C-alpha atoms as a PDB file:
ATOM      1  CA  MET A   1      80.736  74.712  39.098  1.00  0.00           C
ATOM      2  CA  THR A   2      78.176  76.291  41.361  1.00  0.00           C
ATOM      3  CA  GLU A   3      78.137  79.947  42.172  1.00  0.00           C
ATOM      4  CA  ASN A   4      77.488  81.378  45.523  1.00  0.00           C
ATOM      5  CA  PRO A   5      73.956  82.856  45.297  1.00  0.00           C
ATOM      6  CA  THR A   6      74.727  85.456  47.869  1.00  0.00           C
ATOM      7  CA  GLY A   7      77.568  86.925  45.881  1.00  0.00           C
ATOM      8  CA  PRO A   8      81.306  86.771  46.382  1.00  0.00           C
ATOM      9  CA  HIS A   9      82.527  85.573  49.796  1.00  0.00           C
ATOM     10  CA  ARG A  10      83.863  88.394  51.937  1.00  0.00           C
ATOM     11  CA  PRO A  11      86.514  87.536  54.533  1.00  0.00           C
ATOM     12  CA  ALA A  12      85.794  88.168  58.151  1.00  0.00           C
ATOM     13  CA  SER A  13      87.140  91.483  59.399  1.00  0.00           C
ATOM     14  CA  VAL A  14      90.616  91.260  60.842  1.00  0.00           C
ATOM     15  CA  HIS A  15      91.091  92.272  64.494  1.00  0.00           C
ATOM     16  CA  SER A  16      88.933  95.239  65.333  1.00  0.00           C
ATOM     17  CA  ARG A  17      90.815  97.957  67.201  1.00  0.00           C
ATOM     18  CA  PRO A  18      89.630  98.560  70.757  1.00  0.00           C
ATOM     19  CA  ARG A  19      87.970 101.917  71.237  1.00  0.00           C
ATOM     20  CA  SER A  20      90.083 104.138  73.504  1.00  0.00           C
ATOM     21  CA  LEU A  21      88.519 106.138  76.300  1.00  0.00           C
ATOM     22  CA  PRO A  22      88.153 109.914  75.895  1.00  0.00           C
ATOM     23  CA  VAL A  23      91.081 112.039  76.999  1.00  0.00           C
ATOM     24  CA  TRP A  24      89.092 113.869  79.665  1.00  0.00           C
ATOM     25  CA  THR A  25      88.327 110.620  81.554  1.00  0.00           C
ATOM     26  CA  LEU A  26      91.837 110.626  83.057  1.00  0.00           C
ATOM     27  CA  LEU A  27      91.369 114.135  84.352  1.00  0.00           C
ATOM     28  CA  ALA A  28      87.922 113.353  85.746  1.00  0.00           C
ATOM     29  CA  SER A  29      89.174 110.219  87.439  1.00  0.00           C
ATOM     30  CA  GLY A  30      91.986 112.165  89.142  1.00  0.00           C
ATOM     31  CA  VAL A  31      89.529 114.799  90.420  1.00  0.00           C
ATOM     32  CA  LEU A  32      87.124 112.161  91.746  1.00  0.00           C
ATOM     33  CA  ALA A  33      89.787 110.024  93.410  1.00  0.00           C
ATOM     34  CA  GLY A  34      91.496 113.051  94.991  1.00  0.00           C
ATOM     35  CA  GLY A  35      88.198 114.421  96.305  1.00  0.00           C
ATOM     36  CA  LEU A  36      87.274 111.104  97.874  1.00  0.00           C
ATOM     37  CA  LEU A  37      90.674 110.672  99.508  1.00  0.00           C
ATOM     38  CA  GLY A  38      90.733 114.259 100.788  1.00  0.00           C
ATOM     39  CA  GLY A  39      87.226 114.020 102.201  1.00  0.00           C
ATOM     40  CA  ALA A  40      87.997 110.700 103.890  1.00  0.00           C
ATOM     41  CA  TYR A  41      91.126 112.184 105.450  1.00  0.00           C
ATOM     42  CA  GLY A  42      89.111 115.099 106.842  1.00  0.00           C
ATOM     43  CA  VAL A  43      86.609 112.654 108.383  1.00  0.00           C
ATOM     44  CA  VAL A  44      89.188 110.251 109.871  1.00  0.00           C
ATOM     45  CA  GLU A  45      91.705 112.827 111.121  1.00  0.00           C
ATOM     46  CA  PRO A  46      90.569 114.228 114.531  1.00  0.00           C
ATOM     47  CA  PRO A  47      90.129 118.010 114.618  1.00  0.00           C
ATOM     48  CA  SER A  48      92.856 120.155 116.191  1.00  0.00           C
ATOM     49  CA  TYR A  49      92.407 123.256 118.344  1.00  0.00           C
ATOM     50  CA  THR A  50      94.795 126.188 118.726  1.00  0.00           C
ATOM     51  CA  ALA A  51      95.131 128.606 121.631  1.00  0.00           C
ATOM     52  CA  THR A  52      97.552 131.541 122.017  1.00  0.00           C
ATOM     53  CA  ALA A  53      98.902 133.395 125.049  1.00  0.00           C
ATOM     54  CA  TYR A  54     100.841 136.638 124.842  1.00  0.00           C
ATOM     55  CA  VAL A  55     103.662 138.024 127.073  1.00  0.00           C
ATOM     56  CA  VAL A  56     105.304 141.402 126.691  1.00  0.00           C
ATOM     57  CA  ALA A  57     108.831 142.495 127.473  1.00  0.00           C
ATOM     58  CA  VAL A  58     108.953 145.603 129.701  1.00  0.00           C
ATOM     59  CA  PRO A  59     112.203 147.514 130.302  1.00  0.00           C
ATOM     60  CA  THR A  60     113.125 148.509 133.858  1.00  0.00           C
ATOM     61  CA  GLU A  61     114.433 151.917 134.875  1.00  0.00           C
ATOM     62  CA  LYS A  62     117.964 150.938 133.847  1.00  0.00           C
ATOM     63  CA  SER A  63     116.967 149.913 130.288  1.00  0.00           C
ATOM     64  CA  ASP A  64     115.193 151.285 127.243  1.00  0.00           C
ATOM     65  CA  PRO A  65     112.497 150.045 124.812  1.00  0.00           C
ATOM     66  CA  ALA A  66     115.063 149.020 122.201  1.00  0.00           C
ATOM     67  CA  ALA A  67     116.631 146.564 124.659  1.00  0.00           C
ATOM     68  CA  ALA A  68     113.154 145.200 125.504  1.00  0.00           C
ATOM     69  CA  LEU A  69     112.536 144.561 121.838  1.00  0.00           C
ATOM     70  CA  GLY A  70     115.776 142.672 121.487  1.00  0.00           C
ATOM     71  CA  PHE A  71     115.176 140.546 124.530  1.00  0.00           C
ATOM     72  CA  ALA A  72     111.650 139.741 123.348  1.00  0.00           C
ATOM     73  CA  GLN A  73     113.193 138.190 120.247  1.00  0.00           C
ATOM     74  CA  ALA A  74     115.583 136.172 122.404  1.00  0.00           C
ATOM     75  CA  TYR A  75     112.850 134.975 124.780  1.00  0.00           C
ATOM     76  CA  GLY A  76     110.774 133.891 121.788  1.00  0.00           C
ATOM     77  CA  ARG A  77     113.563 131.511 120.804  1.00  0.00           C
ATOM     78  CA  VAL A  78     114.120 130.270 124.382  1.00  0.00           C
ATOM     79  CA  ALA A  79     110.448 129.502 125.037  1.00  0.00           C
ATOM     80  CA  THR A  80     110.518 126.140 123.221  1.00  0.00           C
ATOM     81  CA  GLN A  81     113.723 124.952 124.920  1.00  0.00           C
ATOM     82  CA  LEU A  82     113.670 122.118 127.407  1.00  0.00           C
ATOM     83  CA  ALA A  83     114.671 124.405 130.248  1.00  0.00           C
ATOM     84  CA  VAL A  84     111.373 126.271 129.951  1.00  0.00           C
ATOM     85  CA  LEU A  85     109.218 123.351 128.879  1.00  0.00           C
ATOM     86  CA  GLY A  86     110.491 121.258 131.816  1.00  0.00           C
ATOM     87  CA  ASP A  87     109.055 123.822 134.205  1.00  0.00           C
ATOM     88  CA  ALA A  88     105.817 124.073 132.264  1.00  0.00           C
ATOM     89  CA  GLN A  89     105.011 120.365 131.967  1.00  0.00           C
ATOM     90  CA  VAL A  90     103.508 120.001 135.473  1.00  0.00           C
ATOM     91  CA  ARG A  91     101.251 123.022 135.000  1.00  0.00           C
ATOM     92  CA  ALA A  92     100.267 121.919 131.491  1.00  0.00           C
ATOM     93  CA  GLY A  93      99.558 118.319 132.508  1.00  0.00           C
ATOM     94  CA  VAL A  94     101.612 116.831 129.647  1.00  0.00           C
ATOM     95  CA  SER A  95     105.248 115.875 129.183  1.00  0.00           C
ATOM     96  CA  ALA A  96     107.963 118.229 127.963  1.00  0.00           C
ATOM     97  CA  LYS A  97     108.196 116.107 124.788  1.00  0.00           C
ATOM     98  CA  VAL A  98     104.514 116.723 124.013  1.00  0.00           C
ATOM     99  CA  LEU A  99     105.003 120.435 124.655  1.00  0.00           C
ATOM    100  CA  GLN A 100     107.984 120.614 122.324  1.00  0.00           C
ATOM    101  CA  ALA A 101     105.908 119.043 119.533  1.00  0.00           C
ATOM    102  CA  SER A 102     102.739 121.137 120.201  1.00  0.00           C
ATOM    103  CA  VAL A 103     103.977 124.623 121.145  1.00  0.00           C
ATOM    104  CA  GLN A 104     105.295 127.294 118.795  1.00  0.00           C
ATOM    105  CA  THR A 105     106.313 130.905 119.431  1.00  0.00           C
ATOM    106  CA  ALA A 106     106.278 133.980 117.261  1.00  0.00           C
ATOM    107  CA  THR A 107     107.699 137.459 117.773  1.00  0.00           C
ATOM    108  CA  SER A 108     107.210 140.821 116.092  1.00  0.00           C
ATOM    109  CA  PRO A 109     110.002 143.016 114.756  1.00  0.00           C
ATOM    110  CA  ASP A 110     108.061 146.113 115.823  1.00  0.00           C
ATOM    111  CA  ALA A 111     106.641 145.206 119.243  1.00  0.00           C
ATOM    112  CA  PRO A 112     108.365 143.578 122.274  1.00  0.00           C
ATOM    113  CA  MET A 113     105.785 140.798 122.446  1.00  0.00           C
ATOM    114  CA  VAL A 114     105.991 137.030 122.361  1.00  0.00           C
ATOM    115  CA  ALA A 115     103.020 134.867 121.164  1.00  0.00           C
ATOM    116  CA  VAL A 116     102.949 131.355 122.608  1.00  0.00           C
ATOM    117  CA  THR A 117     100.680 129.082 120.541  1.00  0.00           C
ATOM    118  CA  ALA A 118      99.692 125.528 121.476  1.00  0.00           C
ATOM    119  CA  THR A 119      97.812 122.945 119.375  1.00  0.00           C
ATOM    120  CA  SER A 120      95.949 119.934 120.705  1.00  0.00           C
ATOM    121  CA  SER A 121      93.011 117.673 119.850  1.00  0.00           C
ATOM    122  CA  ARG A 122      91.329 118.938 122.990  1.00  0.00           C
ATOM    123  CA  PRO A 123      90.513 122.654 123.259  1.00  0.00           C
ATOM    124  CA  ALA A 124      91.002 122.920 127.038  1.00  0.00           C
ATOM    125  CA  GLN A 125      94.408 121.284 126.804  1.00  0.00           C
ATOM    126  CA  ALA A 126      95.545 123.626 124.081  1.00  0.00           C
ATOM    127  CA  ALA A 127      94.780 126.634 126.328  1.00  0.00           C
ATOM    128  CA  ASP A 128      96.438 124.979 129.342  1.00  0.00           C
ATOM    129  CA  MET A 129      99.649 124.268 127.415  1.00  0.00           C
ATOM    130  CA  ALA A 130      99.911 127.821 126.042  1.00  0.00           C
ATOM    131  CA  ASN A 131      99.340 129.400 129.433  1.00  0.00           C
ATOM    132  CA  ALA A 132     101.767 127.015 131.145  1.00  0.00           C
ATOM    133  CA  VAL A 133     104.585 127.803 128.748  1.00  0.00           C
ATOM    134  CA  ALA A 134     103.921 131.544 128.910  1.00  0.00           C
ATOM    135  CA  PHE A 135     103.988 131.401 132.763  1.00  0.00           C
ATOM    136  CA  ALA A 136     107.229 129.404 132.784  1.00  0.00           C
ATOM    137  CA  LEU A 137     108.821 131.848 130.333  1.00  0.00           C
ATOM    138  CA  THR A 138     107.925 134.837 132.543  1.00  0.00           C
ATOM    139  CA  ARG A 139     109.507 133.077 135.550  1.00  0.00           C
ATOM    140  CA  HIS A 140     112.777 132.467 133.637  1.00  0.00           C
ATOM    141  CA  ALA A 141     112.851 136.068 132.580  1.00  0.00           C
ATOM    142  CA  ASP A 142     112.189 137.260 136.150  1.00  0.00           C
ATOM    143  CA  ASP A 143     115.165 135.192 137.432  1.00  0.00           C
ATOM    144  CA  SER A 144     117.516 137.119 135.130  1.00  0.00           C
ATOM    145  CA  LYS A 145     115.962 140.584 135.136  1.00  0.00           C
ATOM    146  CA  ASP A 146     118.741 141.933 137.346  1.00  0.00           C
ATOM    147  CA  ALA A 147     121.198 141.221 134.545  1.00  0.00           C
ATOM    148  CA  THR A 148     118.980 141.966 131.545  1.00  0.00           C
ATOM    149  CA  HIS A 149     117.021 144.910 133.040  1.00  0.00           C
ATOM    150  CA  VAL A 150     114.008 143.539 131.174  1.00  0.00           C
ATOM    151  CA  GLU A 151     111.087 141.564 132.611  1.00  0.00           C
ATOM    152  CA  LEU A 152     108.290 139.668 130.948  1.00  0.00           C
ATOM    153  CA  GLN A 153     104.708 140.303 131.952  1.00  0.00           C
ATOM    154  CA  GLN A 154     101.569 138.483 130.934  1.00  0.00           C
ATOM    155  CA  PHE A 155      99.702 140.454 128.286  1.00  0.00           C
ATOM    156  CA  ALA A 156      96.825 138.103 127.466  1.00  0.00           C
ATOM    157  CA  ARG A 157      95.938 134.615 128.636  1.00  0.00           C
ATOM    158  CA  ALA A 158      95.047 131.849 126.243  1.00  0.00           C
ATOM    159  CA  VAL A 159      91.309 131.055 126.197  1.00  0.00           C
ATOM    160  CA  ARG A 160      89.682 127.779 125.294  1.00  0.00           C
ATOM    161  CA  PRO A 161      89.005 127.821 121.525  1.00  0.00           C
ATOM    162  CA  GLY A 162      85.419 127.375 120.488  1.00  0.00           C
ATOM    163  CA  SER A 163      86.033 125.920 117.029  1.00  0.00           C
ATOM    164  CA  PRO A 164      88.778 123.714 115.546  1.00  0.00           C
ATOM    165  CA  SER A 165      91.599 125.316 113.606  1.00  0.00           C
ATOM    166  CA  SER A 166      91.998 122.307 111.330  1.00  0.00           C
ATOM    167  CA  ALA A 167      90.330 122.109 107.946  1.00  0.00           C
ATOM    168  CA  SER A 168      86.862 120.564 107.616  1.00  0.00           C
ATOM    169  CA  PRO A 169      86.191 117.470 105.456  1.00  0.00           C
ATOM    170  CA  VAL A 170      84.707 119.745 102.776  1.00  0.00           C
ATOM    171  CA  VAL A 171      87.891 121.776 102.579  1.00  0.00           C
ATOM    172  CA  THR A 172      90.162 118.679 102.525  1.00  0.00           C
ATOM    173  CA  GLY A 173      87.939 117.168  99.849  1.00  0.00           C
ATOM    174  CA  LEU A 174      88.280 120.275  97.653  1.00  0.00           C
ATOM    175  CA  VAL A 175      92.048 120.277  98.195  1.00  0.00           C
ATOM    176  CA  GLY A 176      92.262 116.595  97.296  1.00  0.00           C
ATOM    177  CA  ALA A 177      90.143 117.129  94.182  1.00  0.00           C
ATOM    178  CA  SER A 178      92.383 119.970  93.074  1.00  0.00           C
ATOM    179  CA  ALA A 179      95.505 117.870  93.657  1.00  0.00           C
ATOM    180  CA  GLY A 180      93.959 114.900  91.786  1.00  0.00           C
ATOM    181  CA  GLY A 181      92.991 117.125  88.868  1.00  0.00           C
ATOM    182  CA  LEU A 182      96.496 118.531  88.680  1.00  0.00           C
ATOM    183  CA  LEU A 183      98.016 115.077  88.710  1.00  0.00           C
ATOM    184  CA  GLY A 184      95.617 113.932  85.985  1.00  0.00           C
ATOM    185  CA  GLY A 185      96.540 116.942  83.892  1.00  0.00           C
ATOM    186  CA  LEU A 186     100.240 116.193  84.282  1.00  0.00           C
ATOM    187  CA  LEU A 187      99.662 112.579  83.221  1.00  0.00           C
ATOM    188  CA  LEU A 188      97.844 113.833  80.137  1.00  0.00           C
ATOM    189  CA  LEU A 189     100.821 116.000  79.240  1.00  0.00           C
ATOM    190  CA  VAL A 190     103.416 113.258  79.628  1.00  0.00           C
ATOM    191  CA  ARG A 191     101.415 110.375  78.092  1.00  0.00           C
ATOM    192  CA  PRO A 192     102.838 108.887  74.910  1.00  0.00           C
ATOM    193  CA  ARG A 193     101.298 110.118  71.712  1.00  0.00           C
ATOM    194  CA  ARG A 194      99.761 107.518  69.415  1.00  0.00           C
ATOM    195  CA  THR A 195     100.510 107.844  65.734  1.00  0.00           C
ATOM    196  CA  PRO A 196      97.487 107.247  63.469  1.00  0.00           C
ATOM    197  CA  GLN A 197      97.682 103.843  61.797  1.00  0.00           C
ATOM    198  CA  GLU A 198      96.280 102.957  58.408  1.00  0.00           C
ATOM    199  CA  PRO A 199      93.282 100.618  58.522  1.00  0.00           C
ATOM    200  CA  PRO A 200      94.131  97.073  57.528  1.00  0.00           C
ATOM    201  CA  ARG A 201      93.412  96.251  53.909  1.00  0.00           C
ATOM    202  CA  SER A 202      91.023  93.359  53.274  1.00  0.00           C
ATOM    203  CA  ALA A 203      92.316  90.555  51.068  1.00  0.00           C
ATOM    204  CA  SER A 204      90.915  90.785  47.552  1.00  0.00           C
ATOM    205  CA  VAL A 205      88.932  87.717  46.377  1.00  0.00           C
ATOM    206  CA  PRO A 206      88.307  87.278  42.637  1.00  0.00           C
ATOM    207  CA  GLY A 207      84.695  87.379  41.546  1.00  0.00           C
ATOM    208  CA  PRO A 208      82.916  84.344  39.968  1.00  0.00           C
ATOM    209  CA  ALA A 209      83.407  85.531  36.339  1.00  0.00           C
ATOM    210  CA  LEU A 210      87.115  86.149  36.719  1.00  0.00           C
ATOM    211  CA  ALA A 211      87.537  82.817  38.497  1.00  0.00           C
ATOM    212  CA  ALA A 212      85.751  81.001  35.585  1.00  0.00           C
ATOM    213  CA  ASP A 213      88.007  82.662  32.977  1.00  0.00           C
ATOM    214  CA  LEU A 214      91.100  81.620  34.829  1.00  0.00           C
ATOM    215  CA  HIS A 215      89.840  78.029  35.135  1.00  0.00           C
ATOM    216  CA  GLY A 216      89.167  77.894  31.358  1.00  0.00           C
ATOM    217  CA  LYS A 217      92.578  79.103  30.516  1.00  0.00           C
ATOM    218  CA  LEU A 218      94.083  76.426  32.645  1.00  0.00           C
END
């Protein structure tokens, strides 16, 4: 019987466990992916421009400032209705449907003033839309001033904006990175926990001396 000169034969290691990635890689991947998507959105999406015109409600001799304040609130809600936008579309150079989607109004509880804000991808068009709706609103108020005893007057015209009001690619990239990091953190919290497993035990092989004794006994 010949003995193995290199010693007892050791079995090949059973399946080695794959090394798992560090926990922070999921968070870093979310931040990177979100930043890239946000920056790409800021580059692809065209910039938007915002312009605002202001009109003020003025009471006549038969009214008082309190009534003007109340009618200013009412005119702020009427400004985006089709009756006003239909009159403004020719002056604005766009359809009433575009005006309805691009124009918003705001009023103050302390001052009888209406702010007409328009947003467009072209700065000149944003100013034209805001001024057109403000002008149409003053005409509608003038038609009913004998009954309301309140008239609207132009307070400030909308001017062509010099810079876009939309976020730059840098800002959208930062927002996307924050959202991606938040999503990655949530995935880390809800991921299943792995229980530690015992390493597999290697099969014991009898040494040469023990094997010879057993063979002699047989």
